[in-house]
Amino acid sequence: MNTLDNKALEGLGLSSSQPTGREGKKDALGQSDFLKLMTAQLNNQDPTKPMEGAEFFSQIAQFSSVASIQELQNSFQQVATAMYSSQVLQASTMVGRSVLVPASQTDTDGQSGIEGVVELPSSTDRLTINIFDVTGQLVRQIDMGANTGGETTFRWDGRDSDGNMAPGGTYQIRAEARYGGESAGLETFLAARVDSVSVGGQGQGVTLNLAGQGSMQLSSVKRVM
């Protein structure tokens, strides 16, 4: 391959030697430098040993690759910025509304109940929703009976097994499905009101501050109710 001597490179503001000090941080050629280097190489090639066609087109391909990668990076950056702006806008419209998020416990005010969803992988003979207080005592069991597979909504009215309103506090919700005499636990999704939204820097995501649930990423929301 034909090469350039140091004098020719220096005329272009480039150097074949390794840069030192602060200049050492710039160790990659930009598109402009790459094009200058190729032009100089053609102008300074040995007439008796011209650059072979395959070699020339190989360098052209390298230049195209550098340009394409930079354009692709710029496109990705634009897409990421647009997606982030869309997330911020979407999150701002959720304030004051309820969302379904993956959770197994929540806080109550002693005046209202809890609404949630379970996803059944297949039909079950019996689906039960069990509510426990902070001491682990069973407060209420809701028998949902036989259910087909898929999403099933449940609601606890906030009352215990005797019909009395349970005091405000933290309660744990466990869903169980019976399959052929054996029980299996299911993931629960609970409804929570969005009190506010926290917006971090790009790449840090958008956080929803939920009543009774604390903070949770926007990406965790299953559905807006």
Protein backbone atom coordinates (compact mmCIF):
# COMPACT_ATOMS: atom_id res chain seq x y z
CA MET A 1 0.00 0.00 0.00
CA ASN A 2 1.27 3.50 -0.85
CA THR A 3 1.97 5.62 2.19
CA LEU A 4 2.51 9.31 2.89
CA ASP A 5 5.73 10.64 4.36
CA ASN A 6 5.69 12.85 7.44
CA LYS A 7 6.21 16.00 5.36
CA ALA A 8 3.06 15.39 3.32
CA LEU A 9 1.04 14.62 6.44
CA GLU A 10 2.31 17.72 8.20
CA GLY A 11 1.19 19.79 5.21
CA LEU A 12 -2.33 18.56 5.91
CA GLY A 13 -2.11 19.35 9.60
CA LEU A 14 -1.76 15.63 10.37
CA SER A 15 1.07 13.47 11.61
CA SER A 16 2.01 9.83 11.30
CA SER A 17 3.63 9.87 14.74
CA GLN A 18 1.70 9.21 17.92
CA PRO A 19 0.46 12.49 19.51
CA THR A 20 1.44 13.24 23.06
CA GLY A 21 0.02 15.28 25.94
CA ARG A 22 -3.46 16.68 25.50
CA GLU A 23 -3.32 16.08 21.75
CA GLY A 24 -3.10 12.37 22.53
CA LYS A 25 -6.75 12.39 23.45
CA LYS A 26 -7.71 12.86 19.79
CA ASP A 27 -6.65 9.52 18.35
CA ALA A 28 -9.34 9.04 15.67
CA LEU A 29 -9.64 10.64 12.22
CA GLY A 30 -12.77 12.59 11.43
CA GLN A 31 -14.49 12.55 8.03
CA SER A 32 -12.63 15.70 6.88
CA ASP A 33 -9.22 14.31 7.92
CA PHE A 34 -10.00 11.00 6.28
CA LEU A 35 -10.87 12.69 2.96
CA LYS A 36 -7.77 14.91 3.08
CA LEU A 37 -5.58 11.88 3.73
CA MET A 38 -7.06 9.96 0.78
CA THR A 39 -6.63 12.98 -1.56
CA ALA A 40 -3.04 13.48 -0.49
CA GLN A 41 -2.33 9.80 -0.94
CA LEU A 42 -3.54 9.97 -4.54
CA ASN A 43 -1.52 13.14 -5.25
CA ASN A 44 1.67 11.73 -3.74
CA GLN A 45 1.54 8.19 -5.03
CA ASP A 46 4.42 6.81 -7.04
CA PRO A 47 3.47 7.07 -10.76
CA THR A 48 5.27 3.81 -11.40
CA LYS A 49 3.25 2.09 -8.71
CA PRO A 50 -0.27 3.53 -8.83
CA MET A 51 -2.77 2.55 -6.20
CA GLU A 52 -4.58 -0.61 -7.15
CA GLY A 53 -8.31 -0.36 -7.84
CA ALA A 54 -9.24 -2.80 -5.08
CA GLU A 55 -7.15 -0.89 -2.56
CA PHE A 56 -8.72 2.44 -3.56
CA PHE A 57 -12.27 1.15 -3.33
CA SER A 58 -11.44 -0.43 0.03
CA GLN A 59 -10.52 3.01 1.38
CA ILE A 60 -13.67 4.51 -0.16
CA ALA A 61 -15.69 1.84 1.67
CA GLN A 62 -13.93 2.74 4.93
CA PHE A 63 -14.82 6.40 4.44
CA SER A 64 -18.46 5.51 3.70
CA SER A 65 -18.55 3.34 6.80
CA VAL A 66 -17.26 6.17 9.01
CA ALA A 67 -19.84 8.56 7.54
CA SER A 68 -22.67 6.05 7.91
CA ILE A 69 -21.81 5.28 11.55
CA GLN A 70 -21.76 8.96 12.47
CA GLU A 71 -25.07 9.55 10.70
CA LEU A 72 -26.54 6.52 12.46
CA GLN A 73 -25.35 7.79 15.84
CA ASN A 74 -26.93 11.17 15.16
CA SER A 75 -30.20 9.48 14.16
CA PHE A 76 -30.23 7.36 17.33
CA GLN A 77 -29.61 10.48 19.41
CA GLN A 78 -32.54 12.24 17.76
CA VAL A 79 -34.81 9.23 18.32
CA ALA A 80 -33.72 8.97 21.98
CA THR A 81 -34.42 12.67 22.54
CA ALA A 82 -37.86 12.38 20.93
CA MET A 83 -38.73 9.29 23.00
CA TYR A 84 -37.63 10.98 26.23
CA SER A 85 -39.73 14.07 25.47
CA SER A 86 -42.70 11.82 24.71
CA GLN A 87 -42.26 10.00 28.04
CA VAL A 88 -42.16 13.28 29.97
CA LEU A 89 -45.35 14.46 28.24
CA GLN A 90 -47.09 11.14 28.82
CA ALA A 91 -46.13 11.09 32.50
CA SER A 92 -47.36 14.65 33.07
CA THR A 93 -50.87 13.67 31.89
CA MET A 94 -51.03 10.88 34.51
CA VAL A 95 -50.96 13.16 37.57
CA GLY A 96 -54.21 12.68 39.51
CA ARG A 97 -55.07 9.48 37.66
CA SER A 98 -54.73 5.86 38.77
CA VAL A 99 -52.35 3.37 37.21
CA LEU A 100 -51.83 -0.36 37.55
CA VAL A 101 -48.35 -1.29 38.74
CA PRO A 102 -46.76 -4.58 39.87
CA ALA A 103 -47.07 -4.63 43.67
CA SER A 104 -47.98 -7.01 46.48
CA GLN A 105 -48.64 -4.48 49.24
CA THR A 106 -50.07 -1.00 49.62
CA ASP A 107 -51.13 1.57 52.22
CA THR A 108 -54.80 2.32 52.90
CA ASP A 109 -56.51 5.23 54.67
CA GLY A 110 -59.08 3.05 56.46
CA GLN A 111 -61.89 4.51 54.38
CA SER A 112 -61.48 2.99 50.93
CA GLY A 113 -60.54 -0.38 49.50
CA ILE A 114 -58.01 -1.74 47.04
CA GLU A 115 -58.44 -2.58 43.37
CA GLY A 116 -56.10 -4.81 41.43
CA VAL A 117 -55.54 -7.33 38.68
CA VAL A 118 -54.05 -10.83 38.45
CA GLU A 119 -53.03 -12.65 35.29
CA LEU A 120 -53.92 -16.32 35.13
CA PRO A 121 -51.68 -18.41 32.88
CA SER A 122 -54.57 -20.87 32.38
CA SER A 123 -58.00 -21.79 33.73
CA THR A 124 -58.15 -22.45 37.46
CA ASP A 125 -60.60 -24.36 39.65
CA ARG A 126 -60.44 -21.61 42.27
CA LEU A 127 -58.87 -18.17 42.55
CA THR A 128 -58.52 -16.54 45.97
CA ILE A 129 -57.27 -13.10 47.01
CA ASN A 130 -55.87 -13.02 50.54
CA ILE A 131 -55.30 -9.77 52.45
CA PHE A 132 -52.86 -9.71 55.39
CA ASP A 133 -52.02 -6.94 57.85
CA VAL A 134 -48.49 -5.92 58.90
CA THR A 135 -48.39 -8.65 61.57
CA GLY A 136 -49.10 -11.35 59.00
CA GLN A 137 -52.65 -11.97 60.20
CA LEU A 138 -55.25 -12.83 57.56
CA VAL A 139 -57.75 -9.97 57.45
CA ARG A 140 -59.93 -11.10 54.57
CA GLN A 141 -60.11 -13.85 51.97
CA ILE A 142 -61.95 -13.13 48.73
CA ASP A 143 -63.10 -16.22 46.86
CA MET A 144 -63.15 -15.50 43.11
CA GLY A 145 -64.28 -19.04 42.24
CA ALA A 146 -63.33 -20.76 38.99
CA ASN A 147 -61.73 -18.52 36.39
CA THR A 148 -60.53 -18.83 32.84
CA GLY A 149 -57.00 -17.85 31.93
CA GLY A 150 -56.10 -14.24 31.35
CA GLU A 151 -56.54 -10.98 33.21
CA THR A 152 -58.93 -10.95 36.18
CA THR A 153 -59.89 -7.85 38.15
CA PHE A 154 -60.51 -7.98 41.90
CA ARG A 155 -61.52 -5.46 44.56
CA TRP A 156 -61.24 -5.42 48.33
CA ASP A 157 -63.76 -3.06 49.92
CA GLY A 158 -61.50 -2.48 52.94
CA ARG A 159 -63.54 -4.61 55.35
CA ASP A 160 -62.36 -7.57 57.40
CA SER A 161 -63.96 -11.01 57.60
CA ASP A 162 -66.51 -9.72 60.17
CA GLY A 163 -67.64 -6.88 57.93
CA ASN A 164 -65.88 -4.17 59.91
CA MET A 165 -63.81 -1.50 58.18
CA ALA A 166 -60.13 -2.39 58.61
CA PRO A 167 -57.96 0.40 60.07
CA GLY A 168 -55.64 2.39 57.84
CA GLY A 169 -52.18 0.94 57.38
CA THR A 170 -50.09 -1.30 55.18
CA TYR A 171 -51.64 -4.48 53.80
CA GLN A 172 -50.23 -7.31 51.75
CA ILE A 173 -52.19 -8.91 48.91
CA ARG A 174 -51.52 -12.47 47.83
CA ALA A 175 -53.31 -14.17 44.95
CA GLU A 176 -53.45 -17.96 44.69
CA ALA A 177 -54.84 -20.21 41.99
CA ARG A 178 -55.60 -23.90 42.41
CA TYR A 179 -54.59 -26.29 39.64
CA GLY A 180 -55.48 -29.96 40.11
CA GLY A 181 -55.39 -29.82 43.89
CA GLU A 182 -52.20 -27.72 44.10
CA SER A 183 -52.01 -23.98 44.72
CA ALA A 184 -49.75 -21.54 42.91
CA GLY A 185 -49.02 -17.93 43.77
CA LEU A 186 -49.72 -15.24 41.15
CA GLU A 187 -48.26 -11.80 40.57
CA THR A 188 -50.60 -8.97 41.48
CA PHE A 189 -50.97 -5.51 39.97
CA LEU A 190 -52.48 -2.86 42.23
CA ALA A 191 -54.09 0.45 41.41
CA ALA A 192 -52.37 3.56 42.72
CA ARG A 193 -52.96 7.28 42.22
CA VAL A 194 -50.16 9.31 40.63
CA ASP A 195 -49.42 12.22 42.99
CA SER A 196 -46.52 13.75 41.06
CA VAL A 197 -43.84 13.08 38.48
CA SER A 198 -40.06 13.33 38.86
CA VAL A 199 -38.05 14.00 35.71
CA GLY A 200 -34.35 13.13 35.76
CA GLY A 201 -31.74 13.74 33.11
CA GLN A 202 -31.96 11.97 29.78
CA GLY A 203 -31.13 8.29 30.21
CA GLN A 204 -32.35 8.29 33.84
CA GLY A 205 -35.99 7.75 32.99
CA VAL A 206 -39.18 9.28 34.37
CA THR A 207 -40.35 8.42 37.89
CA LEU A 208 -43.96 8.40 39.10
CA ASN A 209 -44.64 9.17 42.77
CA LEU A 210 -47.59 6.97 43.72
CA ALA A 211 -49.95 7.19 46.68
CA GLY A 212 -49.39 4.18 48.94
CA GLN A 213 -46.64 2.79 46.71
CA GLY A 214 -43.79 5.29 46.73
CA SER A 215 -41.75 5.91 43.59
CA MET A 216 -41.83 3.74 40.50
CA GLN A 217 -40.46 4.00 36.96
CA LEU A 218 -42.90 4.97 34.22
CA SER A 219 -41.89 1.81 32.34
CA SER A 220 -43.38 -0.30 35.17
CA VAL A 221 -46.93 0.89 34.52
CA LYS A 222 -49.15 -1.87 33.18
CA ARG A 223 -52.14 0.29 32.37
CA VAL A 224 -53.58 3.75 32.99
CA MET A 225 -57.03 3.47 34.51
